[in-house]
Amino acid sequence: MNQLTNIFKLLSDETRLRMMVLLYQEELCVCELSGVLEVPQPRVSKNLSKLRDMNLVADNRKEKFVFYKLKDDNQLLMETLQSISDKLDTYPQLVKDRQRLGLKEEILNNCCIDCD
């Protein structure tokens, strides 16, 4: 029962819910998530830390970046996110996030200006 309650606590936070819907669609780095969601990078990192602590995301280092993706072994979470994704058009903020996801390369390039 604890796992069930914890999943819904995570989903009750708008930023985390939006992040998880995006990560359900594809692997993203902190920079991309921050840019797509238009929220500060520290907030994204803090929320990713919570997801990592609950073993819901996996990370993968690629060059200078750490990319995150949802682990697919939590059936309840996957089914919930699938249900949300199936009706995405009924959630204007999630539609906006999906549209902004198309800007992820530009966002990543802008994030990388000071990387070298």
PDB file of N, CA and C in Angstrom:
ATOM      1  N   MET A   1       0.816  -1.190   0.000  1.00  0.00           N
ATOM      2  CA  MET A   1       0.000   0.000   0.000  1.00  0.00           C
ATOM      3  C   MET A   1       0.865   1.261   0.000  1.00  0.00           C
ATOM      4  N   ASN A   2       2.031   1.184   0.639  1.00  0.00           N
ATOM      5  CA  ASN A   2       2.943   2.323   0.681  1.00  0.00           C
ATOM      6  C   ASN A   2       3.343   2.784  -0.710  1.00  0.00           C
ATOM      7  N   GLN A   3       3.662   1.832  -1.582  1.00  0.00           N
ATOM      8  CA  GLN A   3       4.078   2.171  -2.938  1.00  0.00           C
ATOM      9  C   GLN A   3       2.950   2.907  -3.677  1.00  0.00           C
ATOM     10  N   LEU A   4       1.742   2.435  -3.513  1.00  0.00           N
ATOM     11  CA  LEU A   4       0.582   3.055  -4.148  1.00  0.00           C
ATOM     12  C   LEU A   4       0.421   4.499  -3.686  1.00  0.00           C
ATOM     13  N   THR A   5       0.487   4.719  -2.399  1.00  0.00           N
ATOM     14  CA  THR A   5       0.344   6.071  -1.851  1.00  0.00           C
ATOM     15  C   THR A   5       1.474   6.970  -2.327  1.00  0.00           C
ATOM     16  N   ASN A   6       2.683   6.449  -2.341  1.00  0.00           N
ATOM     17  CA  ASN A   6       3.828   7.249  -2.769  1.00  0.00           C
ATOM     18  C   ASN A   6       3.724   7.649  -4.238  1.00  0.00           C
ATOM     19  N   ILE A   7       3.254   6.761  -5.083  1.00  0.00           N
ATOM     20  CA  ILE A   7       3.081   7.082  -6.507  1.00  0.00           C
ATOM     21  C   ILE A   7       2.102   8.241  -6.657  1.00  0.00           C
ATOM     22  N   PHE A   8       0.978   8.160  -5.958  1.00  0.00           N
ATOM     23  CA  PHE A   8      -0.012   9.219  -6.104  1.00  0.00           C
ATOM     24  C   PHE A   8       0.427  10.524  -5.437  1.00  0.00           C
ATOM     25  N   LYS A   9       1.265  10.447  -4.420  1.00  0.00           N
ATOM     26  CA  LYS A   9       1.846  11.671  -3.857  1.00  0.00           C
ATOM     27  C   LYS A   9       2.754  12.339  -4.892  1.00  0.00           C
ATOM     28  N   LEU A  10       3.542  11.529  -5.574  1.00  0.00           N
ATOM     29  CA  LEU A  10       4.413  12.073  -6.613  1.00  0.00           C
ATOM     30  C   LEU A  10       3.603  12.719  -7.733  1.00  0.00           C
ATOM     31  N   LEU A  11       2.554  12.045  -8.148  1.00  0.00           N
ATOM     32  CA  LEU A  11       1.727  12.547  -9.241  1.00  0.00           C
ATOM     33  C   LEU A  11       0.911  13.775  -8.849  1.00  0.00           C
ATOM     34  N   SER A  12       0.746  14.003  -7.558  1.00  0.00           N
ATOM     35  CA  SER A  12      -0.062  15.140  -7.108  1.00  0.00           C
ATOM     36  C   SER A  12       0.662  16.479  -7.272  1.00  0.00           C
ATOM     37  N   ASP A  13       1.972  16.446  -7.494  1.00  0.00           N
ATOM     38  CA  ASP A  13       2.742  17.661  -7.725  1.00  0.00           C
ATOM     39  C   ASP A  13       2.755  17.940  -9.226  1.00  0.00           C
ATOM     40  N   GLU A  14       2.289  19.121  -9.623  1.00  0.00           N
ATOM     41  CA  GLU A  14       2.151  19.429 -11.054  1.00  0.00           C
ATOM     42  C   GLU A  14       3.472  19.311 -11.817  1.00  0.00           C
ATOM     43  N   THR A  15       4.543  19.830 -11.247  1.00  0.00           N
ATOM     44  CA  THR A  15       5.835  19.770 -11.943  1.00  0.00           C
ATOM     45  C   THR A  15       6.273  18.328 -12.143  1.00  0.00           C
ATOM     46  N   ARG A  16       6.171  17.519 -11.107  1.00  0.00           N
ATOM     47  CA  ARG A  16       6.563  16.102 -11.234  1.00  0.00           C
ATOM     48  C   ARG A  16       5.672  15.369 -12.221  1.00  0.00           C
ATOM     49  N   LEU A  17       4.384  15.641 -12.180  1.00  0.00           N
ATOM     50  CA  LEU A  17       3.468  14.995 -13.125  1.00  0.00           C
ATOM     51  C   LEU A  17       3.858  15.346 -14.554  1.00  0.00           C
ATOM     52  N   ARG A  18       4.104  16.615 -14.817  1.00  0.00           N
ATOM     53  CA  ARG A  18       4.498  17.048 -16.156  1.00  0.00           C
ATOM     54  C   ARG A  18       5.821  16.403 -16.564  1.00  0.00           C
ATOM     55  N   MET A  19       6.767  16.338 -15.634  1.00  0.00           N
ATOM     56  CA  MET A  19       8.050  15.699 -15.922  1.00  0.00           C
ATOM     57  C   MET A  19       7.860  14.231 -16.271  1.00  0.00           C
ATOM     58  N   MET A  20       7.044  13.556 -15.509  1.00  0.00           N
ATOM     59  CA  MET A  20       6.856  12.120 -15.723  1.00  0.00           C
ATOM     60  C   MET A  20       6.135  11.849 -17.035  1.00  0.00           C
ATOM     61  N   VAL A  21       5.205  12.713 -17.408  1.00  0.00           N
ATOM     62  CA  VAL A  21       4.541  12.550 -18.706  1.00  0.00           C
ATOM     63  C   VAL A  21       5.565  12.721 -19.830  1.00  0.00           C
ATOM     64  N   LEU A  22       6.449  13.713 -19.705  1.00  0.00           N
ATOM     65  CA  LEU A  22       7.486  13.902 -20.722  1.00  0.00           C
ATOM     66  C   LEU A  22       8.455  12.725 -20.755  1.00  0.00           C
ATOM     67  N   LEU A  23       8.873  12.270 -19.587  1.00  0.00           N
ATOM     68  CA  LEU A  23       9.806  11.140 -19.531  1.00  0.00           C
ATOM     69  C   LEU A  23       9.145   9.843 -19.992  1.00  0.00           C
ATOM     70  N   TYR A  24       7.850   9.777 -19.897  1.00  0.00           N
ATOM     71  CA  TYR A  24       7.126   8.624 -20.431  1.00  0.00           C
ATOM     72  C   TYR A  24       7.248   8.595 -21.960  1.00  0.00           C
ATOM     73  N   GLN A  25       7.358   9.788 -22.554  1.00  0.00           N
ATOM     74  CA  GLN A  25       7.462   9.892 -24.010  1.00  0.00           C
ATOM     75  C   GLN A  25       8.882   9.643 -24.506  1.00  0.00           C
ATOM     76  N   GLU A  26       9.881  10.149 -23.765  1.00  0.00           N
ATOM     77  CA  GLU A  26      11.263   9.973 -24.206  1.00  0.00           C
ATOM     78  C   GLU A  26      12.257  10.353 -23.119  1.00  0.00           C
ATOM     79  N   GLU A  27      13.492   9.964 -23.338  1.00  0.00           N
ATOM     80  CA  GLU A  27      14.602  10.260 -22.439  1.00  0.00           C
ATOM     81  C   GLU A  27      14.999  11.727 -22.606  1.00  0.00           C
ATOM     82  N   LEU A  28      15.197  12.419 -21.472  1.00  0.00           N
ATOM     83  CA  LEU A  28      15.541  13.843 -21.509  1.00  0.00           C
ATOM     84  C   LEU A  28      16.562  14.163 -20.422  1.00  0.00           C
ATOM     85  N   CYS A  29      17.346  15.220 -20.664  1.00  0.00           N
ATOM     86  CA  CYS A  29      18.281  15.665 -19.626  1.00  0.00           C
ATOM     87  C   CYS A  29      17.628  16.796 -18.818  1.00  0.00           C
ATOM     88  N   VAL A  30      18.262  17.173 -17.734  1.00  0.00           N
ATOM     89  CA  VAL A  30      17.739  18.213 -16.849  1.00  0.00           C
ATOM     90  C   VAL A  30      17.516  19.510 -17.619  1.00  0.00           C
ATOM     91  N   CYS A  31      18.480  19.866 -18.455  1.00  0.00           N
ATOM     92  CA  CYS A  31      18.385  21.092 -19.259  1.00  0.00           C
ATOM     93  C   CYS A  31      17.130  21.079 -20.133  1.00  0.00           C
ATOM     94  N   GLU A  32      16.914  19.967 -20.814  1.00  0.00           N
ATOM     95  CA  GLU A  32      15.748  19.860 -21.691  1.00  0.00           C
ATOM     96  C   GLU A  32      14.454  19.935 -20.892  1.00  0.00           C
ATOM     97  N   LEU A  33      14.397  19.209 -19.789  1.00  0.00           N
ATOM     98  CA  LEU A  33      13.200  19.246 -18.946  1.00  0.00           C
ATOM     99  C   LEU A  33      12.925  20.659 -18.449  1.00  0.00           C
ATOM    100  N   SER A  34      13.961  21.320 -17.987  1.00  0.00           N
ATOM    101  CA  SER A  34      13.815  22.677 -17.477  1.00  0.00           C
ATOM    102  C   SER A  34      13.305  23.614 -18.569  1.00  0.00           C
ATOM    103  N   GLY A  35      13.862  23.503 -19.756  1.00  0.00           N
ATOM    104  CA  GLY A  35      13.459  24.361 -20.861  1.00  0.00           C
ATOM    105  C   GLY A  35      12.045  24.073 -21.348  1.00  0.00           C
ATOM    106  N   VAL A  36      11.709  22.815 -21.495  1.00  0.00           N
ATOM    107  CA  VAL A  36      10.378  22.443 -21.968  1.00  0.00           C
ATOM    108  C   VAL A  36       9.320  22.866 -20.953  1.00  0.00           C
ATOM    109  N   LEU A  37       9.590  22.606 -19.678  1.00  0.00           N
ATOM    110  CA  LEU A  37       8.622  22.920 -18.631  1.00  0.00           C
ATOM    111  C   LEU A  37       8.620  24.401 -18.242  1.00  0.00           C
ATOM    112  N   GLU A  38       9.673  25.101 -18.639  1.00  0.00           N
ATOM    113  CA  GLU A  38       9.846  26.505 -18.263  1.00  0.00           C
ATOM    114  C   GLU A  38       9.840  26.670 -16.736  1.00  0.00           C
ATOM    115  N   VAL A  39      10.595  25.810 -16.087  1.00  0.00           N
ATOM    116  CA  VAL A  39      10.790  25.888 -14.639  1.00  0.00           C
ATOM    117  C   VAL A  39      12.297  25.890 -14.369  1.00  0.00           C
ATOM    118  N   PRO A  40      12.717  26.457 -13.255  1.00  0.00           N
ATOM    119  CA  PRO A  40      14.153  26.526 -12.956  1.00  0.00           C
ATOM    120  C   PRO A  40      14.793  25.140 -12.850  1.00  0.00           C
ATOM    121  N   GLN A  41      16.039  25.064 -13.288  1.00  0.00           N
ATOM    122  CA  GLN A  41      16.783  23.807 -13.271  1.00  0.00           C
ATOM    123  C   GLN A  41      16.869  23.194 -11.868  1.00  0.00           C
ATOM    124  N   PRO A  42      17.075  23.991 -10.793  1.00  0.00           N
ATOM    125  CA  PRO A  42      17.127  23.377  -9.464  1.00  0.00           C
ATOM    126  C   PRO A  42      15.832  22.643  -9.090  1.00  0.00           C
ATOM    127  N   ARG A  43      14.679  23.169  -9.515  1.00  0.00           N
ATOM    128  CA  ARG A  43      13.416  22.493  -9.215  1.00  0.00           C
ATOM    129  C   ARG A  43      13.338  21.155  -9.957  1.00  0.00           C
ATOM    130  N   VAL A  44      13.783  21.147 -11.209  1.00  0.00           N
ATOM    131  CA  VAL A  44      13.794  19.907 -11.981  1.00  0.00           C
ATOM    132  C   VAL A  44      14.715  18.890 -11.311  1.00  0.00           C
ATOM    133  N   SER A  45      15.904  19.330 -10.937  1.00  0.00           N
ATOM    134  CA  SER A  45      16.870  18.430 -10.299  1.00  0.00           C
ATOM    135  C   SER A  45      16.333  17.862  -8.988  1.00  0.00           C
ATOM    136  N   LYS A  46      15.694  18.714  -8.200  1.00  0.00           N
ATOM    137  CA  LYS A  46      15.133  18.262  -6.922  1.00  0.00           C
ATOM    138  C   LYS A  46      14.056  17.198  -7.149  1.00  0.00           C
ATOM    139  N   ASN A  47      13.203  17.426  -8.145  1.00  0.00           N
ATOM    140  CA  ASN A  47      12.152  16.455  -8.432  1.00  0.00           C
ATOM    141  C   ASN A  47      12.706  15.166  -9.020  1.00  0.00           C
ATOM    142  N   LEU A  48      13.725  15.274  -9.848  1.00  0.00           N
ATOM    143  CA  LEU A  48      14.364  14.070 -10.377  1.00  0.00           C
ATOM    144  C   LEU A  48      14.996  13.263  -9.246  1.00  0.00           C
ATOM    145  N   SER A  49      15.529  13.957  -8.267  1.00  0.00           N
ATOM    146  CA  SER A  49      16.113  13.275  -7.112  1.00  0.00           C
ATOM    147  C   SER A  49      15.057  12.441  -6.380  1.00  0.00           C
ATOM    148  N   LYS A  50      13.859  13.007  -6.221  1.00  0.00           N
ATOM    149  CA  LYS A  50      12.777  12.260  -5.580  1.00  0.00           C
ATOM    150  C   LYS A  50      12.397  11.034  -6.406  1.00  0.00           C
ATOM    151  N   LEU A  51      12.323  11.214  -7.708  1.00  0.00           N
ATOM    152  CA  LEU A  51      11.979  10.084  -8.582  1.00  0.00           C
ATOM    153  C   LEU A  51      13.070   9.013  -8.547  1.00  0.00           C
ATOM    154  N   ARG A  52      14.314   9.457  -8.480  1.00  0.00           N
ATOM    155  CA  ARG A  52      15.437   8.515  -8.404  1.00  0.00           C
ATOM    156  C   ARG A  52      15.410   7.765  -7.069  1.00  0.00           C
ATOM    157  N   ASP A  53      15.114   8.487  -5.976  1.00  0.00           N
ATOM    158  CA  ASP A  53      15.039   7.853  -4.654  1.00  0.00           C
ATOM    159  C   ASP A  53      13.962   6.770  -4.603  1.00  0.00           C
ATOM    160  N   MET A  54      12.905   6.974  -5.377  1.00  0.00           N
ATOM    161  CA  MET A  54      11.822   5.980  -5.414  1.00  0.00           C
ATOM    162  C   MET A  54      12.058   4.924  -6.487  1.00  0.00           C
ATOM    163  N   ASN A  55      13.238   4.978  -7.120  1.00  0.00           N
ATOM    164  CA  ASN A  55      13.619   3.998  -8.132  1.00  0.00           C
ATOM    165  C   ASN A  55      12.667   4.006  -9.338  1.00  0.00           C
ATOM    166  N   LEU A  56      12.201   5.205  -9.710  1.00  0.00           N
ATOM    167  CA  LEU A  56      11.269   5.330 -10.831  1.00  0.00           C
ATOM    168  C   LEU A  56      11.942   5.812 -12.112  1.00  0.00           C
ATOM    169  N   VAL A  57      13.153   6.374 -11.987  1.00  0.00           N
ATOM    170  CA  VAL A  57      13.884   6.822 -13.168  1.00  0.00           C
ATOM    171  C   VAL A  57      15.268   6.194 -13.191  1.00  0.00           C
ATOM    172  N   ALA A  58      15.768   6.047 -14.404  1.00  0.00           N
ATOM    173  CA  ALA A  58      17.140   5.590 -14.612  1.00  0.00           C
ATOM    174  C   ALA A  58      17.888   6.736 -15.273  1.00  0.00           C
ATOM    175  N   ASP A  59      19.174   6.833 -14.987  1.00  0.00           N
ATOM    176  CA  ASP A  59      19.955   7.882 -15.627  1.00  0.00           C
ATOM    177  C   ASP A  59      21.059   7.276 -16.479  1.00  0.00           C
ATOM    178  N   ASN A  60      21.455   8.033 -17.488  1.00  0.00           N
ATOM    179  CA  ASN A  60      22.438   7.569 -18.444  1.00  0.00           C
ATOM    180  C   ASN A  60      23.284   8.760 -18.870  1.00  0.00           C
ATOM    181  N   ARG A  61      24.586   8.698 -18.586  1.00  0.00           N
ATOM    182  CA  ARG A  61      25.477   9.811 -18.937  1.00  0.00           C
ATOM    183  C   ARG A  61      25.847   9.710 -20.408  1.00  0.00           C
ATOM    184  N   LYS A  62      25.672  10.845 -21.099  1.00  0.00           N
ATOM    185  CA  LYS A  62      26.084  10.971 -22.507  1.00  0.00           C
ATOM    186  C   LYS A  62      26.873  12.260 -22.612  1.00  0.00           C
ATOM    187  N   GLU A  63      28.175  12.110 -22.772  1.00  0.00           N
ATOM    188  CA  GLU A  63      29.097  13.248 -22.838  1.00  0.00           C
ATOM    189  C   GLU A  63      28.952  14.100 -21.588  1.00  0.00           C
ATOM    190  N   LYS A  64      28.509  15.357 -21.743  1.00  0.00           N
ATOM    191  CA  LYS A  64      28.437  16.285 -20.606  1.00  0.00           C
ATOM    192  C   LYS A  64      27.116  16.213 -19.862  1.00  0.00           C
ATOM    193  N   PHE A  65      26.191  15.416 -20.344  1.00  0.00           N
ATOM    194  CA  PHE A  65      24.834  15.432 -19.813  1.00  0.00           C
ATOM    195  C   PHE A  65      24.439  14.098 -19.211  1.00  0.00           C
ATOM    196  N   VAL A  66      23.520  14.180 -18.269  1.00  0.00           N
ATOM    197  CA  VAL A  66      22.893  12.984 -17.708  1.00  0.00           C
ATOM    198  C   VAL A  66      21.451  12.991 -18.187  1.00  0.00           C
ATOM    199  N   PHE A  67      21.082  11.943 -18.897  1.00  0.00           N
ATOM    200  CA  PHE A  67      19.728  11.812 -19.419  1.00  0.00           C
ATOM    201  C   PHE A  67      18.936  10.875 -18.526  1.00  0.00           C
ATOM    202  N   TYR A  68      17.670  11.187 -18.364  1.00  0.00           N
ATOM    203  CA  TYR A  68      16.787  10.424 -17.496  1.00  0.00           C
ATOM    204  C   TYR A  68      15.659   9.803 -18.313  1.00  0.00           C
ATOM    205  N   LYS A  69      15.264   8.625 -17.887  1.00  0.00           N
ATOM    206  CA  LYS A  69      14.097   7.984 -18.485  1.00  0.00           C
ATOM    207  C   LYS A  69      13.365   7.246 -17.375  1.00  0.00           C
ATOM    208  N   LEU A  70      12.080   7.074 -17.580  1.00  0.00           N
ATOM    209  CA  LEU A  70      11.293   6.326 -16.601  1.00  0.00           C
ATOM    210  C   LEU A  70      11.636   4.855 -16.686  1.00  0.00           C
ATOM    211  N   LYS A  71      11.726   4.230 -15.548  1.00  0.00           N
ATOM    212  CA  LYS A  71      11.842   2.776 -15.531  1.00  0.00           C
ATOM    213  C   LYS A  71      10.448   2.220 -15.790  1.00  0.00           C
ATOM    214  N   ASP A  72      10.387   1.168 -16.553  1.00  0.00           N
ATOM    215  CA  ASP A  72       9.064   0.662 -16.929  1.00  0.00           C
ATOM    216  C   ASP A  72       8.614  -0.530 -16.086  1.00  0.00           C
ATOM    217  N   ASP A  73       9.262  -0.729 -14.949  1.00  0.00           N
ATOM    218  CA  ASP A  73       8.906  -1.892 -14.126  1.00  0.00           C
ATOM    219  C   ASP A  73       7.813  -1.608 -13.095  1.00  0.00           C
ATOM    220  N   ASN A  74       7.329  -0.367 -13.033  1.00  0.00           N
ATOM    221  CA  ASN A  74       6.232  -0.049 -12.124  1.00  0.00           C
ATOM    222  C   ASN A  74       4.939  -0.005 -12.948  1.00  0.00           C
ATOM    223  N   GLN A  75       4.215  -1.092 -12.920  1.00  0.00           N
ATOM    224  CA  GLN A  75       3.039  -1.240 -13.771  1.00  0.00           C
ATOM    225  C   GLN A  75       1.984  -0.170 -13.494  1.00  0.00           C
ATOM    226  N   LEU A  76       1.735   0.142 -12.237  1.00  0.00           N
ATOM    227  CA  LEU A  76       0.741   1.158 -11.891  1.00  0.00           C
ATOM    228  C   LEU A  76       1.108   2.504 -12.504  1.00  0.00           C
ATOM    229  N   LEU A  77       2.351   2.914 -12.353  1.00  0.00           N
ATOM    230  CA  LEU A  77       2.799   4.186 -12.905  1.00  0.00           C
ATOM    231  C   LEU A  77       2.687   4.178 -14.423  1.00  0.00           C
ATOM    232  N   MET A  78       3.132   3.113 -15.066  1.00  0.00           N
ATOM    233  CA  MET A  78       3.082   3.041 -16.529  1.00  0.00           C
ATOM    234  C   MET A  78       1.639   3.085 -17.048  1.00  0.00           C
ATOM    235  N   GLU A  79       0.749   2.373 -16.383  1.00  0.00           N
ATOM    236  CA  GLU A  79      -0.657   2.377 -16.807  1.00  0.00           C
ATOM    237  C   GLU A  79      -1.289   3.754 -16.598  1.00  0.00           C
ATOM    238  N   THR A  80      -0.955   4.402 -15.499  1.00  0.00           N
ATOM    239  CA  THR A  80      -1.480   5.737 -15.220  1.00  0.00           C
ATOM    240  C   THR A  80      -0.986   6.737 -16.260  1.00  0.00           C
ATOM    241  N   LEU A  81       0.300   6.699 -16.562  1.00  0.00           N
ATOM    242  CA  LEU A  81       0.857   7.615 -17.554  1.00  0.00           C
ATOM    243  C   LEU A  81       0.335   7.311 -18.953  1.00  0.00           C
ATOM    244  N   GLN A  82       0.112   6.041 -19.240  1.00  0.00           N
ATOM    245  CA  GLN A  82      -0.482   5.677 -20.538  1.00  0.00           C
ATOM    246  C   GLN A  82      -1.885   6.249 -20.656  1.00  0.00           C
ATOM    247  N   SER A  83      -2.648   6.149 -19.600  1.00  0.00           N
ATOM    248  CA  SER A  83      -4.003   6.687 -19.590  1.00  0.00           C
ATOM    249  C   SER A  83      -3.995   8.206 -19.791  1.00  0.00           C
ATOM    250  N   ILE A  84      -3.089   8.884 -19.128  1.00  0.00           N
ATOM    251  CA  ILE A  84      -2.952  10.336 -19.293  1.00  0.00           C
ATOM    252  C   ILE A  84      -2.552  10.651 -20.738  1.00  0.00           C
ATOM    253  N   SER A  85      -1.590   9.915 -21.258  1.00  0.00           N
ATOM    254  CA  SER A  85      -1.114  10.143 -22.627  1.00  0.00           C
ATOM    255  C   SER A  85      -2.211   9.903 -23.656  1.00  0.00           C
ATOM    256  N   ASP A  86      -3.054   8.922 -23.411  1.00  0.00           N
ATOM    257  CA  ASP A  86      -4.152   8.622 -24.336  1.00  0.00           C
ATOM    258  C   ASP A  86      -5.143   9.777 -24.437  1.00  0.00           C
ATOM    259  N   LYS A  87      -5.238  10.571 -23.382  1.00  0.00           N
ATOM    260  CA  LYS A  87      -6.194  11.685 -23.343  1.00  0.00           C
ATOM    261  C   LYS A  87      -5.470  13.031 -23.200  1.00  0.00           C
ATOM    262  N   LEU A  88      -4.254  13.076 -23.687  1.00  0.00           N
ATOM    263  CA  LEU A  88      -3.395  14.250 -23.525  1.00  0.00           C
ATOM    264  C   LEU A  88      -4.063  15.536 -24.000  1.00  0.00           C
ATOM    265  N   ASP A  89      -4.834  15.450 -25.066  1.00  0.00           N
ATOM    266  CA  ASP A  89      -5.458  16.655 -25.625  1.00  0.00           C
ATOM    267  C   ASP A  89      -6.464  17.308 -24.686  1.00  0.00           C
ATOM    268  N   THR A  90      -6.847  16.627 -23.636  1.00  0.00           N
ATOM    269  CA  THR A  90      -7.787  17.222 -22.676  1.00  0.00           C
ATOM    270  C   THR A  90      -7.067  18.008 -21.580  1.00  0.00           C
ATOM    271  N   TYR A  91      -5.729  18.026 -21.628  1.00  0.00           N
ATOM    272  CA  TYR A  91      -4.932  18.727 -20.619  1.00  0.00           C
ATOM    273  C   TYR A  91      -4.076  19.790 -21.317  1.00  0.00           C
ATOM    274  N   PRO A  92      -4.555  21.044 -21.381  1.00  0.00           N
ATOM    275  CA  PRO A  92      -3.853  22.090 -22.144  1.00  0.00           C
ATOM    276  C   PRO A  92      -2.374  22.259 -21.778  1.00  0.00           C
ATOM    277  N   GLN A  93      -2.032  22.181 -20.500  1.00  0.00           N
ATOM    278  CA  GLN A  93      -0.627  22.348 -20.115  1.00  0.00           C
ATOM    279  C   GLN A  93       0.230  21.207 -20.666  1.00  0.00           C
ATOM    280  N   LEU A  94      -0.289  19.991 -20.653  1.00  0.00           N
ATOM    281  CA  LEU A  94       0.464  18.859 -21.184  1.00  0.00           C
ATOM    282  C   LEU A  94       0.603  18.942 -22.699  1.00  0.00           C
ATOM    283  N   VAL A  95      -0.402  19.494 -23.364  1.00  0.00           N
ATOM    284  CA  VAL A  95      -0.312  19.720 -24.810  1.00  0.00           C
ATOM    285  C   VAL A  95       0.793  20.734 -25.097  1.00  0.00           C
ATOM    286  N   LYS A  96       0.834  21.805 -24.305  1.00  0.00           N
ATOM    287  CA  LYS A  96       1.879  22.826 -24.466  1.00  0.00           C
ATOM    288  C   LYS A  96       3.260  22.204 -24.244  1.00  0.00           C
ATOM    289  N   ASP A  97       3.374  21.373 -23.207  1.00  0.00           N
ATOM    290  CA  ASP A  97       4.656  20.704 -22.938  1.00  0.00           C
ATOM    291  C   ASP A  97       5.072  19.845 -24.122  1.00  0.00           C
ATOM    292  N   ARG A  98       4.123  19.110 -24.684  1.00  0.00           N
ATOM    293  CA  ARG A  98       4.437  18.241 -25.825  1.00  0.00           C
ATOM    294  C   ARG A  98       4.900  19.095 -27.015  1.00  0.00           C
ATOM    295  N   GLN A  99       4.260  20.227 -27.229  1.00  0.00           N
ATOM    296  CA  GLN A  99       4.667  21.119 -28.319  1.00  0.00           C
ATOM    297  C   GLN A  99       6.068  21.665 -28.077  1.00  0.00           C
ATOM    298  N   ARG A 100       6.352  22.067 -26.846  1.00  0.00           N
ATOM    299  CA  ARG A 100       7.676  22.598 -26.509  1.00  0.00           C
ATOM    300  C   ARG A 100       8.756  21.523 -26.588  1.00  0.00           C
ATOM    301  N   LEU A 101       8.348  20.270 -26.480  1.00  0.00           N
ATOM    302  CA  LEU A 101       9.299  19.164 -26.600  1.00  0.00           C
ATOM    303  C   LEU A 101       9.990  19.199 -27.965  1.00  0.00           C
ATOM    304  N   GLY A 102       9.317  19.754 -28.957  1.00  0.00           N
ATOM    305  CA  GLY A 102       9.919  19.913 -30.275  1.00  0.00           C
ATOM    306  C   GLY A 102      11.097  20.877 -30.286  1.00  0.00           C
ATOM    307  N   LEU A 103      11.233  21.668 -29.233  1.00  0.00           N
ATOM    308  CA  LEU A 103      12.332  22.640 -29.127  1.00  0.00           C
ATOM    309  C   LEU A 103      13.519  22.085 -28.343  1.00  0.00           C
ATOM    310  N   LYS A 104      13.484  20.807 -28.002  1.00  0.00           N
ATOM    311  CA  LYS A 104      14.496  20.280 -27.079  1.00  0.00           C
ATOM    312  C   LYS A 104      15.927  20.414 -27.599  1.00  0.00           C
ATOM    313  N   GLU A 105      16.148  20.275 -28.911  1.00  0.00           N
ATOM    314  CA  GLU A 105      17.512  20.432 -29.436  1.00  0.00           C
ATOM    315  C   GLU A 105      18.002  21.863 -29.259  1.00  0.00           C
ATOM    316  N   GLU A 106      17.141  22.818 -29.545  1.00  0.00           N
ATOM    317  CA  GLU A 106      17.488  24.229 -29.349  1.00  0.00           C
ATOM    318  C   GLU A 106      17.756  24.508 -27.872  1.00  0.00           C
ATOM    319  N   ILE A 107      16.916  23.957 -27.010  1.00  0.00           N
ATOM    320  CA  ILE A 107      17.079  24.129 -25.563  1.00  0.00           C
ATOM    321  C   ILE A 107      18.417  23.549 -25.114  1.00  0.00           C
ATOM    322  N   LEU A 108      18.732  22.353 -25.606  1.00  0.00           N
ATOM    323  CA  LEU A 108      19.993  21.704 -25.232  1.00  0.00           C
ATOM    324  C   LEU A 108      21.181  22.507 -25.740  1.00  0.00           C
ATOM    325  N   ASN A 109      21.094  23.018 -26.963  1.00  0.00           N
ATOM    326  CA  ASN A 109      22.193  23.828 -27.508  1.00  0.00           C
ATOM    327  C   ASN A 109      22.388  25.103 -26.697  1.00  0.00           C
ATOM    328  N   ASN A 110      21.299  25.747 -26.285  1.00  0.00           N
ATOM    329  CA  ASN A 110      21.407  26.955 -25.464  1.00  0.00           C
ATOM    330  C   ASN A 110      21.973  26.646 -24.094  1.00  0.00           C
ATOM    331  N   CYS A 111      21.651  25.481 -23.585  1.00  0.00           N
ATOM    332  CA  CYS A 111      22.165  25.068 -22.287  1.00  0.00           C
ATOM    333  C   CYS A 111      23.654  24.828 -22.366  1.00  0.00           C
ATOM    334  N   CYS A 112      24.093  24.441 -23.519  1.00  0.00           N
ATOM    335  CA  CYS A 112      25.484  24.030 -23.721  1.00  0.00           C
ATOM    336  C   CYS A 112      26.429  25.180 -24.018  1.00  0.00           C
ATOM    337  N   ILE A 113      25.932  26.390 -24.088  1.00  0.00           N
ATOM    338  CA  ILE A 113      26.769  27.548 -24.447  1.00  0.00           C
ATOM    339  C   ILE A 113      28.000  27.647 -23.543  1.00  0.00           C
ATOM    340  N   ASP A 114      27.818  27.412 -22.249  1.00  0.00           N
ATOM    341  CA  ASP A 114      28.930  27.536 -21.299  1.00  0.00           C
ATOM    342  C   ASP A 114      29.553  26.199 -20.933  1.00  0.00           C
ATOM    343  N   CYS A 115      29.233  25.143 -21.674  1.00  0.00           N
ATOM    344  CA  CYS A 115      29.722  23.808 -21.311  1.00  0.00           C
ATOM    345  C   CYS A 115      31.199  23.618 -21.586  1.00  0.00           C
ATOM    346  N   ASP A 116      31.731  24.246 -22.609  1.00  0.00           N
ATOM    347  CA  ASP A 116      33.120  23.972 -23.006  1.00  0.00           C
ATOM    348  C   ASP A 116      34.133  24.694 -22.182  1.00  0.00           C
TER     349      ASP A 116
END
